[in-house]
Protein backbone atom coordinates (compact mmCIF):
# COMPACT_ATOMS: atom_id res chain seq x y z
CA UNK A 1 -30.35 -13.86 1.96
CA UNK A 2 -33.62 -14.56 3.55
CA UNK A 3 -33.84 -11.32 5.37
CA UNK A 4 -33.32 -9.38 2.05
CA UNK A 5 -36.14 -11.23 0.49
CA UNK A 6 -38.34 -10.62 3.42
CA UNK A 7 -37.75 -6.86 3.19
CA UNK A 8 -38.48 -6.99 -0.54
CA UNK A 9 -41.91 -8.30 0.35
CA UNK A 10 -42.37 -5.63 2.82
CA UNK A 11 -41.55 -3.00 0.28
CA UNK A 12 -44.57 -4.07 -1.89
CA UNK A 13 -46.92 -3.17 0.99
CA UNK A 14 -48.63 0.17 1.25
CA UNK A 15 -46.87 2.92 3.06
CA UNK A 16 -49.08 2.94 6.17
CA UNK A 17 -48.41 3.14 9.77
CA UNK A 18 -50.19 4.66 12.64
CA UNK A 19 -47.10 5.23 14.67
CA UNK A 20 -46.15 8.73 15.50
CA UNK A 21 -42.87 10.01 14.21
CA UNK A 22 -40.23 10.52 16.83
CA UNK A 23 -37.62 13.10 15.97
CA UNK A 24 -39.09 15.63 18.33
CA UNK A 25 -40.32 14.48 21.67
CA UNK A 26 -40.52 10.71 20.91
CA UNK A 27 -36.84 10.06 21.99
CA UNK A 28 -35.58 6.47 21.87
CA UNK A 29 -36.45 4.57 25.04
CA UNK A 30 -34.16 1.68 24.81
CA UNK A 31 -36.97 -0.78 25.07
CA UNK A 32 -36.23 -3.44 22.31
CA UNK A 33 -38.64 -5.95 20.87
CA UNK A 34 -38.04 -9.53 22.26
CA UNK A 35 -35.82 -11.44 19.98
CA UNK A 36 -34.73 -8.31 17.96
CA UNK A 37 -31.66 -6.17 18.18
CA UNK A 38 -31.60 -3.63 20.81
CA UNK A 39 -32.10 -0.81 18.39
CA UNK A 40 -35.50 -2.22 17.37
CA UNK A 41 -38.15 -0.63 19.63
CA UNK A 42 -41.69 -1.47 19.99
CA UNK A 43 -43.41 1.41 17.88
CA UNK A 44 -44.47 0.31 14.38
CA UNK A 45 -43.15 2.44 11.58
CA UNK A 46 -42.56 2.72 7.84
CA UNK A 47 -38.94 3.43 6.77
CA UNK A 48 -37.81 4.87 3.44
CA UNK A 49 -34.27 4.26 2.09
CA UNK A 50 -33.15 6.91 -0.63
CA UNK A 51 -30.26 6.88 -2.90
CA UNK A 52 -29.01 9.94 -4.88
CA UNK A 53 -27.74 7.42 -7.36
CA UNK A 54 -28.28 3.70 -7.22
CA UNK A 55 -27.11 2.43 -10.54
CA UNK A 56 -23.74 0.49 -9.86
CA UNK A 57 -22.94 -2.65 -8.03
CA UNK A 58 -21.65 -0.85 -4.90
CA UNK A 59 -24.86 0.89 -4.56
CA UNK A 60 -27.01 -2.32 -5.36
CA UNK A 61 -25.09 -4.18 -2.59
CA UNK A 62 -25.28 -1.29 -0.19
CA UNK A 63 -29.08 -0.88 -0.74
CA UNK A 64 -29.51 -4.69 -0.08
CA UNK A 65 -27.41 -4.35 3.06
CA UNK A 66 -29.67 -1.58 4.23
CA UNK A 67 -32.88 -3.69 3.46
CA UNK A 68 -31.23 -6.71 5.19
CA UNK A 69 -30.66 -4.48 8.40
CA UNK A 70 -34.32 -3.16 8.31
CA UNK A 71 -35.54 -6.78 8.20
CA UNK A 72 -34.01 -7.61 11.52
CA UNK A 73 -36.71 -5.31 13.14
CA UNK A 74 -40.27 -6.42 13.02
CA UNK A 75 -41.44 -3.10 14.04
CA UNK A 76 -40.64 -1.80 10.58
CA UNK A 77 -43.95 -2.82 8.93
CA UNK A 78 -43.45 -0.85 5.84
CA UNK A 79 -40.33 -0.22 3.69
CA UNK A 80 -39.86 1.89 0.50
CA UNK A 81 -36.89 2.56 -1.70
CA UNK A 82 -36.16 5.37 -4.27
CA UNK A 83 -33.27 5.84 -6.66
CA UNK A 84 -32.53 9.51 -7.58
CA UNK A 85 -30.84 8.35 -10.63
CA UNK A 86 -28.07 11.01 -10.32
CA UNK A 87 -30.73 13.75 -10.68
CA UNK A 88 -30.70 16.16 -7.76
CA UNK A 89 -34.24 17.46 -8.42
CA UNK A 90 -35.52 13.94 -8.48
CA UNK A 91 -33.67 13.04 -5.20
CA UNK A 92 -35.34 16.10 -3.55
CA UNK A 93 -38.72 15.04 -5.00
CA UNK A 94 -38.25 11.56 -3.65
CA UNK A 95 -37.74 12.88 -0.13
CA UNK A 96 -40.83 15.16 -0.45
CA UNK A 97 -42.92 12.34 -1.76
CA UNK A 98 -42.14 10.05 1.07
CA UNK A 99 -42.77 12.61 3.62
CA UNK A 100 -46.30 13.30 1.96
CA UNK A 101 -47.04 9.57 2.13
CA UNK A 102 -46.45 9.49 5.85
CA UNK A 103 -43.17 7.61 5.95
CA UNK A 104 -41.91 7.79 9.67
CA UNK A 105 -38.12 7.61 9.05
CA UNK A 106 -35.83 8.28 6.17
CA UNK A 107 -32.31 7.01 5.62
CA UNK A 108 -30.69 9.11 2.77
CA UNK A 109 -27.64 8.98 0.77
CA UNK A 110 -27.32 12.66 -0.24
CA UNK A 111 -25.15 12.33 -3.08
CA UNK A 112 -25.66 15.98 -4.12
CA UNK A 113 -24.25 17.17 -0.77
CA UNK A 114 -25.51 20.59 0.47
CA UNK A 115 -28.02 20.82 -2.43
CA UNK A 116 -30.00 18.22 -0.40
CA UNK A 117 -30.01 20.13 2.83
CA UNK A 118 -33.21 22.07 2.44
CA UNK A 119 -35.14 18.83 1.68
CA UNK A 120 -33.63 17.11 4.64
CA UNK A 121 -34.42 20.04 6.88
CA UNK A 122 -37.98 20.16 5.65
CA UNK A 123 -38.50 16.50 6.38
CA UNK A 124 -37.03 16.70 9.80
CA UNK A 125 -39.23 19.82 10.65
CA UNK A 126 -42.29 17.89 9.35
CA UNK A 127 -41.55 15.31 12.27
CA UNK A 128 -39.94 12.59 10.07
CA UNK A 129 -36.90 10.83 11.65
CA UNK A 130 -34.26 11.91 9.02
CA UNK A 131 -30.83 10.35 8.84
CA UNK A 132 -28.41 11.23 6.00
CA UNK A 133 -25.33 9.05 5.75
CA UNK A 134 -21.94 8.80 4.02
CA UNK A 135 -21.97 12.08 2.09
CA UNK A 136 -21.99 15.14 4.24
CA UNK A 137 -24.98 17.42 3.37
CA UNK A 138 -23.79 20.27 5.66
CA UNK A 139 -26.13 21.42 8.45
CA UNK A 140 -26.18 20.11 12.15
CA UNK A 141 -27.53 17.22 13.95
CA UNK A 142 -30.65 18.03 15.84
CA UNK A 143 -31.22 21.22 13.80
CA UNK A 144 -31.37 20.07 10.15
CA UNK A 145 -31.84 16.24 10.69
CA UNK A 146 -31.66 13.76 13.40
CA UNK A 147 -28.11 12.75 12.83
CA UNK A 148 -25.56 12.44 9.99
CA UNK A 149 -23.93 8.99 9.92
CA UNK A 150 -20.73 9.60 8.31
CA UNK A 151 -17.70 7.52 7.58
CA UNK A 152 -14.25 8.27 9.10
CA UNK A 153 -12.43 8.99 5.89
CA UNK A 154 -9.65 10.73 7.93
CA UNK A 155 -8.88 7.51 9.59
CA UNK A 156 -8.83 5.73 6.16
CA UNK A 157 -6.25 8.29 5.05
CA UNK A 158 -4.19 7.79 8.24
CA UNK A 159 -4.25 4.08 7.77
CA UNK A 160 -3.04 4.50 4.18
CA UNK A 161 -0.33 6.89 5.41
CA UNK A 162 0.83 4.43 8.06
CA UNK A 163 1.25 1.64 5.40
CA UNK A 164 3.02 3.97 3.02
CA UNK A 165 5.53 5.12 5.78
CA UNK A 166 6.15 1.59 6.74
CA UNK A 167 6.84 0.29 3.28
CA UNK A 168 8.51 3.41 1.81
CA UNK A 169 10.47 4.75 4.84
CA UNK A 170 12.82 6.79 2.56
CA UNK A 171 10.04 8.53 0.62
CA UNK A 172 7.80 8.13 -2.28
CA UNK A 173 5.99 9.92 -5.08
CA UNK A 174 2.39 9.47 -4.44
CA UNK A 175 -0.50 9.99 -7.03
CA UNK A 176 -3.83 10.32 -5.24
CA UNK A 177 -7.03 9.76 -7.10
CA UNK A 178 -10.53 10.52 -5.74
CA UNK A 179 -13.99 11.26 -6.96
CA UNK A 180 -15.50 14.58 -8.16
CA UNK A 181 -13.49 17.75 -7.78
CA UNK A 182 -13.93 19.28 -4.29
CA UNK A 183 -15.50 16.15 -2.72
CA UNK A 184 -15.08 16.08 1.12
CA UNK A 185 -14.30 12.34 1.28
CA UNK A 186 -11.06 12.91 -0.76
CA UNK A 187 -10.06 16.02 1.18
CA UNK A 188 -10.60 14.21 4.59
CA UNK A 189 -8.49 11.33 3.34
CA UNK A 190 -5.64 13.59 2.32
CA UNK A 191 -5.82 15.35 5.66
CA UNK A 192 -5.40 11.89 7.32
CA UNK A 193 -2.40 10.95 5.16
CA UNK A 194 -0.72 14.12 5.86
CA UNK A 195 -0.78 13.54 9.63
CA UNK A 196 1.49 10.66 8.93
CA UNK A 197 3.42 11.45 5.86
CA UNK A 198 3.52 15.17 5.70
CA UNK A 199 7.24 15.73 5.35
CA UNK A 200 9.00 16.59 2.15
CA UNK A 201 10.27 13.15 1.26
CA UNK A 202 6.65 12.16 0.43
CA UNK A 203 5.66 14.05 -2.65
CA UNK A 204 2.12 14.23 -3.89
CA UNK A 205 2.20 14.49 -7.61
CA UNK A 206 -0.48 15.47 -10.13
CA UNK A 207 -3.46 17.75 -9.57
CA UNK A 208 -3.94 18.87 -6.04
CA UNK A 209 -5.50 18.06 -3.57
CA UNK A 210 -6.20 14.91 -5.77
CA UNK A 211 -6.81 13.90 -9.39
CA UNK A 212 -10.61 13.99 -9.85
CA UNK A 213 -12.01 10.86 -11.52
CA UNK A 214 -15.71 11.01 -10.52
CA UNK A 215 -14.96 7.37 -9.42
CA UNK A 216 -15.61 6.42 -13.00
CA UNK A 217 -13.52 3.60 -14.61
CA UNK A 218 -13.29 5.36 -18.02
CA UNK A 219 -12.21 8.64 -16.59
CA UNK A 220 -9.86 6.95 -14.22
CA UNK A 221 -8.15 5.27 -17.13
CA UNK A 222 -7.73 8.59 -18.88
CA UNK A 223 -6.39 10.32 -15.73
CA UNK A 224 -3.92 7.32 -15.03
CA UNK A 225 -2.72 7.21 -18.74
CA UNK A 226 -1.96 10.96 -18.59
CA UNK A 227 -0.23 10.69 -15.15
CA UNK A 228 2.05 7.78 -16.47
CA UNK A 229 3.15 9.98 -19.47
CA UNK A 230 3.92 12.97 -17.28
CA UNK A 231 5.56 11.16 -14.26
CA UNK A 232 8.56 8.80 -14.92
CA UNK A 233 8.44 7.77 -11.19
CA UNK A 234 5.18 6.90 -9.48
CA UNK A 235 5.82 4.91 -6.35
CA UNK A 236 2.26 4.67 -4.81
CA UNK A 237 -1.20 5.21 -6.18
CA UNK A 238 -3.79 6.04 -3.58
CA UNK A 239 -7.37 5.69 -4.76
CA UNK A 240 -10.63 5.70 -2.63
CA UNK A 241 -12.46 3.31 -5.02
CA UNK A 242 -10.11 0.67 -5.98
CA UNK A 243 -12.13 -1.27 -8.40
CA UNK A 244 -12.30 1.68 -10.79
CA UNK A 245 -8.48 1.27 -11.18
CA UNK A 246 -8.43 -2.22 -12.79
CA UNK A 247 -9.02 -1.12 -16.35
CA UNK A 248 -6.30 1.53 -16.02
CA UNK A 249 -3.45 -0.31 -14.35
CA UNK A 250 -2.42 -2.27 -17.35
CA UNK A 251 -1.20 1.16 -18.87
CA UNK A 252 1.96 0.67 -16.70
CA UNK A 253 2.78 -2.57 -18.41
CA UNK A 254 2.03 -1.01 -21.91
CA UNK A 255 4.81 1.56 -21.04
CA UNK A 256 7.21 -1.09 -19.85
CA UNK A 257 6.97 -0.31 -16.20
CA UNK A 258 5.93 -2.34 -13.18
CA UNK A 259 2.50 -1.55 -11.68
CA UNK A 260 3.31 0.39 -8.48
CA UNK A 261 2.03 -0.11 -4.83
CA UNK A 262 -1.60 0.59 -4.42
CA UNK A 263 -3.34 1.74 -1.25
CA UNK A 264 -7.19 1.85 -1.71
CA UNK A 265 -10.56 0.26 -0.96
CA UNK A 266 -11.38 -3.30 -1.57
CA UNK A 267 -13.22 -5.05 -4.36
CA UNK A 268 -13.21 -8.56 -5.74
CA UNK A 269 -12.16 -7.54 -9.16
CA UNK A 270 -9.15 -5.64 -7.71
CA UNK A 271 -8.12 -8.65 -5.45
CA UNK A 272 -8.28 -11.07 -8.46
CA UNK A 273 -6.35 -8.66 -10.70
CA UNK A 274 -3.58 -8.49 -8.05
CA UNK A 275 -3.42 -12.21 -7.81
CA UNK A 276 -3.11 -12.51 -11.60
CA UNK A 277 -0.57 -9.77 -12.16
CA UNK A 278 1.51 -9.43 -9.03
CA UNK A 279 4.18 -12.00 -10.18
CA UNK A 280 4.91 -10.09 -13.39
CA UNK A 281 4.95 -6.72 -11.38
CA UNK A 282 7.44 -6.72 -8.57
CA UNK A 283 6.54 -3.37 -7.31
CA UNK A 284 2.88 -4.22 -7.11
CA UNK A 285 2.23 -4.27 -3.33
CA UNK A 286 -1.31 -3.58 -2.15
CA UNK A 287 -3.15 -2.64 1.00
CA UNK A 288 -6.93 -2.00 1.17
CA UNK A 289 -9.49 -0.76 3.61
CA UNK A 290 -13.09 -1.92 3.61
CA UNK A 291 -15.19 -0.22 0.91
CA UNK A 292 -17.92 0.75 3.36
CA UNK A 293 -21.13 -1.00 2.13
CA UNK A 294 -22.11 -1.49 5.73
CA UNK A 295 -22.17 2.27 6.50
CA UNK A 296 -25.86 2.06 5.64
CA UNK A 297 -26.49 -0.51 8.35
CA UNK A 298 -25.46 1.95 11.24
CA UNK A 299 -27.71 4.61 9.53
CA UNK A 300 -30.56 2.16 9.47
CA UNK A 301 -29.91 1.22 13.06
CA UNK A 302 -29.83 4.81 14.20
CA UNK A 303 -33.14 5.75 12.32
CA UNK A 304 -35.12 2.70 13.38
CA UNK A 305 -34.01 3.16 17.07
CA UNK A 306 -35.11 6.88 17.01
CA UNK A 307 -38.41 6.19 15.30
CA UNK A 308 -39.43 2.96 17.20
CA UNK A 309 -38.15 3.68 20.55
CA UNK A 310 -35.20 1.39 20.54
CA UNK A 311 -31.66 1.91 21.92
CA UNK A 312 -29.53 4.36 19.85
CA UNK A 313 -26.16 3.07 18.63
CA UNK A 314 -23.20 4.28 20.69
CA UNK A 315 -21.66 6.06 17.75
CA UNK A 316 -22.59 8.04 14.69
CA UNK A 317 -19.40 7.28 12.78
CA UNK A 318 -18.88 4.23 10.64
CA UNK A 319 -15.17 3.18 10.92
CA UNK A 320 -13.99 1.08 7.94
CA UNK A 321 -11.35 -1.43 9.05
CA UNK A 322 -8.05 -2.28 7.17
CA UNK A 323 -8.98 -5.20 5.13
CA UNK A 324 -6.04 -6.66 3.06
CA UNK A 325 -2.22 -6.22 3.09
CA UNK A 326 -0.28 -8.12 0.62
CA UNK A 327 3.02 -7.49 2.55
CA UNK A 328 2.01 -8.41 6.04
CA UNK A 329 -1.11 -10.53 5.35
CA UNK A 330 -2.71 -8.80 8.38
CA UNK A 331 -5.65 -8.78 8.90
CA UNK A 332 -6.01 -10.60 5.60
CA UNK A 333 -3.94 -11.46 2.55
CA UNK A 334 -5.30 -10.24 -0.70
CA UNK A 335 -8.73 -11.93 -1.22
CA UNK A 336 -10.13 -13.16 -4.59
CA UNK A 337 -13.25 -15.17 -5.27
CA UNK A 338 -12.62 -16.09 -9.01
CA UNK A 339 -15.80 -18.05 -9.43
CA UNK A 340 -17.99 -14.91 -8.35
CA UNK A 341 -18.49 -11.65 -10.06
CA UNK A 342 -15.82 -8.93 -9.82
CA UNK A 343 -18.21 -6.32 -8.71
CA UNK A 344 -18.79 -7.67 -5.16
CA UNK A 345 -17.04 -6.60 -1.99
CA UNK A 346 -15.50 -9.16 0.09
CA UNK A 347 -15.18 -6.85 3.17
CA UNK A 348 -19.02 -6.44 3.35
CA UNK A 349 -21.08 -8.27 5.95
CA UNK A 350 -23.30 -9.75 3.31
CA UNK A 351 -21.84 -13.06 1.92
CA UNK A 352 -20.09 -13.17 -1.38
CA UNK A 353 -22.70 -15.55 -2.66
CA UNK A 354 -25.62 -13.39 -1.72
CA UNK A 355 -24.06 -10.43 -3.33
CA UNK A 356 -23.47 -12.28 -6.43
CA UNK A 357 -27.18 -13.33 -6.45
CA UNK A 358 -28.15 -9.59 -6.30
CA UNK A 359 -26.15 -8.83 -9.46
CA UNK A 360 -27.70 -11.54 -11.69
């Protein structure tokens, strides 16, 4: 946790650095600072981390993970953070404001997608190292921004599909829940699943390509309650934000049905729910992939390397590993830290205790 505290102190300093920005001619040289990671080069910079929305526990932990990564490089002598609060215009203004202050590098979670592209492009054209991550804003690397550091959601979907095929070899009725209607994450996950379970014995039920929930627990409960009423047989629920399901899953018990198999992303609240309810629900198998808080670390590494003259990472794609499997126990059985808050993520690099401290 010391690194996070150190970066918090940096954030209080004025945004000032005489180092030139380096998205144009100042390519990373691969010359690291002694004792620092190889992505930390010698040029001193100020870095800004910007969220489109920072108001839930996943974002708070992700933001802290980004700050923790920044603190590993002493060449980052100034650090600023901005929360767009779910307002696209504020998110755009946050980028413009940091560019105007002279920030050398921006790491941006562009929640509003392509609506953020003009602001990203403007920052890039102004000579600021600009690295959007996780949500695809459209555009192209080296034209509209330095690099988009995405997550491989297609592989998540393939991993889910492999598990479904192994555990339901004779077929299954699958209910797929994702975030806002039309979001690229859900579409990529479905593409990955269908490379494995694309034949007729695997039936995707409900709204297609997925039931939109906005990743909101209250809306998820509404969607799932409706799906239970409409579908007498649901063998597998797929969700790309597992913790949002916890309040909704007891609807199966209320209707006299076992909670079905769940393939999703991890969360402490979900793991503890499984441990508390599995014995009474014989169909309740579960497999998770890492929720992806550490996607921000790769984005920070790329931005810092490009701006300070360090060594660029070997990849621009964050691969979330399989995390839990209640059937095989590989790579882990279902995890639960019952004495810690439910809204932490045990797959994250940051320790559970440090995550809990952030949420007090």
